[in-house]
Amino acid sequence: MNVASYVFGIVAAVLALTVIVEMLRRRRLRERHAVWWILAGVFALVVGIFPQTLVWASTLVGVEIPTNLVFFLSLLILFLVCIQHSGELTDLEDKTRVLAENSALQHARIDEMERALIEIRHTD
């Protein structure tokens, strides 16, 4: 790889980390959602600054082409993000169902009280 590729990788990683931190600062992203993205950004930055770490890591785990390790780790991070969001979606669906049930019960109680009030007014 040439120097421009390394510089591009470093700039892209720093830009990604900057965007993540700025989203956290503006409360557009919660900390629990940012963990995987920060991990990916730090990994990209380390590999951009020290490209031999990728070669070392791929040799360590037995991957012949270091780029394949990058793709695998990227897919792993995206998979973990999907699992995290699926769990949170399940929780939100449960909460939404409970809120809808409570709302329906409250609506039924209000209707019953209104009918009782109308009956009291008609008997007077």
Protein backbone atom coordinates (compact mmCIF):
# COMPACT_ATOMS: atom_id res chain seq x y z
CA MET A 1 0.00 0.00 0.00
CA ASN A 2 1.14 3.53 -0.64
CA VAL A 3 1.30 6.44 1.79
CA ALA A 4 -1.94 7.95 0.45
CA SER A 5 -3.85 4.78 1.39
CA TYR A 6 -2.51 4.91 4.94
CA VAL A 7 -3.35 8.59 5.27
CA PHE A 8 -6.84 7.99 3.87
CA GLY A 9 -7.41 5.17 6.40
CA ILE A 10 -6.24 7.30 9.31
CA VAL A 11 -8.34 10.30 8.23
CA ALA A 12 -11.41 8.09 7.75
CA ALA A 13 -10.99 6.52 11.21
CA VAL A 14 -10.48 9.91 12.89
CA LEU A 15 -13.50 11.30 11.03
CA ALA A 16 -15.65 8.34 12.11
CA LEU A 17 -14.57 8.72 15.74
CA THR A 18 -15.21 12.48 15.57
CA VAL A 19 -18.73 11.91 14.24
CA ILE A 20 -19.45 9.36 16.97
CA VAL A 21 -18.18 11.65 19.74
CA GLU A 22 -20.12 14.60 18.32
CA MET A 23 -23.31 12.52 18.15
CA LEU A 24 -22.76 11.48 21.76
CA ARG A 25 -22.15 15.08 22.77
CA ARG A 26 -25.35 16.26 21.08
CA ARG A 27 -27.27 13.35 22.57
CA ARG A 28 -28.10 11.99 19.11
CA LEU A 29 -26.51 8.68 20.07
CA ARG A 30 -26.61 6.93 23.42
CA GLU A 31 -23.52 5.51 25.06
CA ARG A 32 -24.74 1.93 24.91
CA HIS A 33 -25.18 2.25 21.14
CA ALA A 34 -21.84 3.95 20.61
CA VAL A 35 -19.71 1.23 22.20
CA TRP A 36 -19.45 -0.96 19.10
CA TRP A 37 -18.90 2.03 16.81
CA ILE A 38 -16.14 3.40 19.02
CA LEU A 39 -14.54 -0.03 19.09
CA ALA A 40 -14.64 -0.19 15.28
CA GLY A 41 -13.24 3.34 14.98
CA VAL A 42 -10.40 2.66 17.38
CA PHE A 43 -9.61 -0.60 15.58
CA ALA A 44 -9.55 1.24 12.24
CA LEU A 45 -7.33 3.96 13.69
CA VAL A 46 -4.86 1.48 15.17
CA VAL A 47 -4.70 -0.45 11.89
CA GLY A 48 -4.30 2.80 9.97
CA ILE A 49 -1.43 4.00 12.14
CA PHE A 50 0.20 0.60 12.62
CA PRO A 51 -0.70 -1.51 9.56
CA GLN A 52 1.60 -4.32 10.66
CA THR A 53 -0.76 -5.02 13.59
CA LEU A 54 -3.30 -6.27 11.06
CA VAL A 55 -0.74 -8.59 9.51
CA TRP A 56 0.29 -9.77 12.98
CA ALA A 57 -3.35 -10.34 14.05
CA SER A 58 -4.22 -12.21 10.87
CA THR A 59 -1.17 -14.45 11.32
CA LEU A 60 -2.15 -15.00 14.95
CA VAL A 61 -5.67 -16.23 14.08
CA GLY A 62 -4.59 -18.05 10.92
CA VAL A 63 -6.12 -15.81 8.26
CA GLU A 64 -4.02 -15.73 5.10
CA ILE A 65 -5.14 -12.36 3.74
CA PRO A 66 -5.24 -9.56 6.35
CA THR A 67 -8.08 -7.79 4.51
CA ASN A 68 -10.28 -10.83 5.13
CA LEU A 69 -9.77 -10.32 8.86
CA VAL A 70 -10.95 -6.72 8.49
CA PHE A 71 -14.09 -7.87 6.67
CA PHE A 72 -14.74 -10.56 9.26
CA LEU A 73 -14.35 -8.14 12.16
CA SER A 74 -16.55 -5.58 10.40
CA LEU A 75 -19.28 -8.18 9.93
CA LEU A 76 -18.89 -9.28 13.53
CA ILE A 77 -19.36 -5.73 14.79
CA LEU A 78 -22.42 -5.24 12.57
CA PHE A 79 -23.81 -8.56 13.79
CA LEU A 80 -23.37 -7.49 17.42
CA VAL A 81 -25.04 -4.14 16.69
CA CYS A 82 -27.99 -6.00 15.12
CA ILE A 83 -28.30 -8.30 18.13
CA GLN A 84 -28.22 -5.31 20.49
CA HIS A 85 -30.90 -3.49 18.49
CA SER A 86 -33.05 -6.62 18.24
CA GLY A 87 -32.99 -6.98 22.01
CA GLU A 88 -33.92 -3.36 22.50
CA LEU A 89 -36.66 -3.63 19.87
CA THR A 90 -38.13 -6.60 21.71
CA ASP A 91 -38.16 -4.61 24.96
CA LEU A 92 -39.81 -1.65 23.25
CA GLU A 93 -42.47 -3.88 21.67
CA ASP A 94 -43.28 -5.30 25.10
CA LYS A 95 -43.49 -1.82 26.62
CA THR A 96 -45.67 -0.60 23.74
CA ARG A 97 -48.05 -3.53 24.21
CA VAL A 98 -48.33 -2.86 27.95
CA LEU A 99 -48.94 0.86 27.31
CA ALA A 100 -51.62 0.07 24.71
CA GLU A 101 -53.34 -2.31 27.13
CA ASN A 102 -53.21 0.27 29.93
CA SER A 103 -54.56 2.94 27.60
CA ALA A 104 -57.43 0.68 26.55
CA LEU A 105 -58.26 -0.06 30.20
CA GLN A 106 -58.17 3.64 31.09
CA HIS A 107 -60.38 4.44 28.10
CA ALA A 108 -62.88 1.76 29.20
CA ARG A 109 -62.90 3.16 32.75
CA ILE A 110 -63.49 6.69 31.50
CA ASP A 111 -66.36 5.50 29.28
CA GLU A 112 -67.89 3.66 32.23
CA MET A 113 -67.60 6.73 34.46
CA GLU A 114 -69.15 8.95 31.77
CA ARG A 115 -72.09 6.53 31.40
CA ALA A 116 -72.54 6.48 35.17
CA LEU A 117 -72.46 10.29 35.27
CA ILE A 118 -75.05 10.52 32.48
CA GLU A 119 -77.33 8.07 34.34
CA ILE A 120 -77.00 10.11 37.55
CA ARG A 121 -77.93 13.31 35.68
CA HIS A 122 -80.96 11.65 34.06
CA THR A 123 -82.28 10.36 37.37
CA ASP A 124 -82.14 13.83 38.94
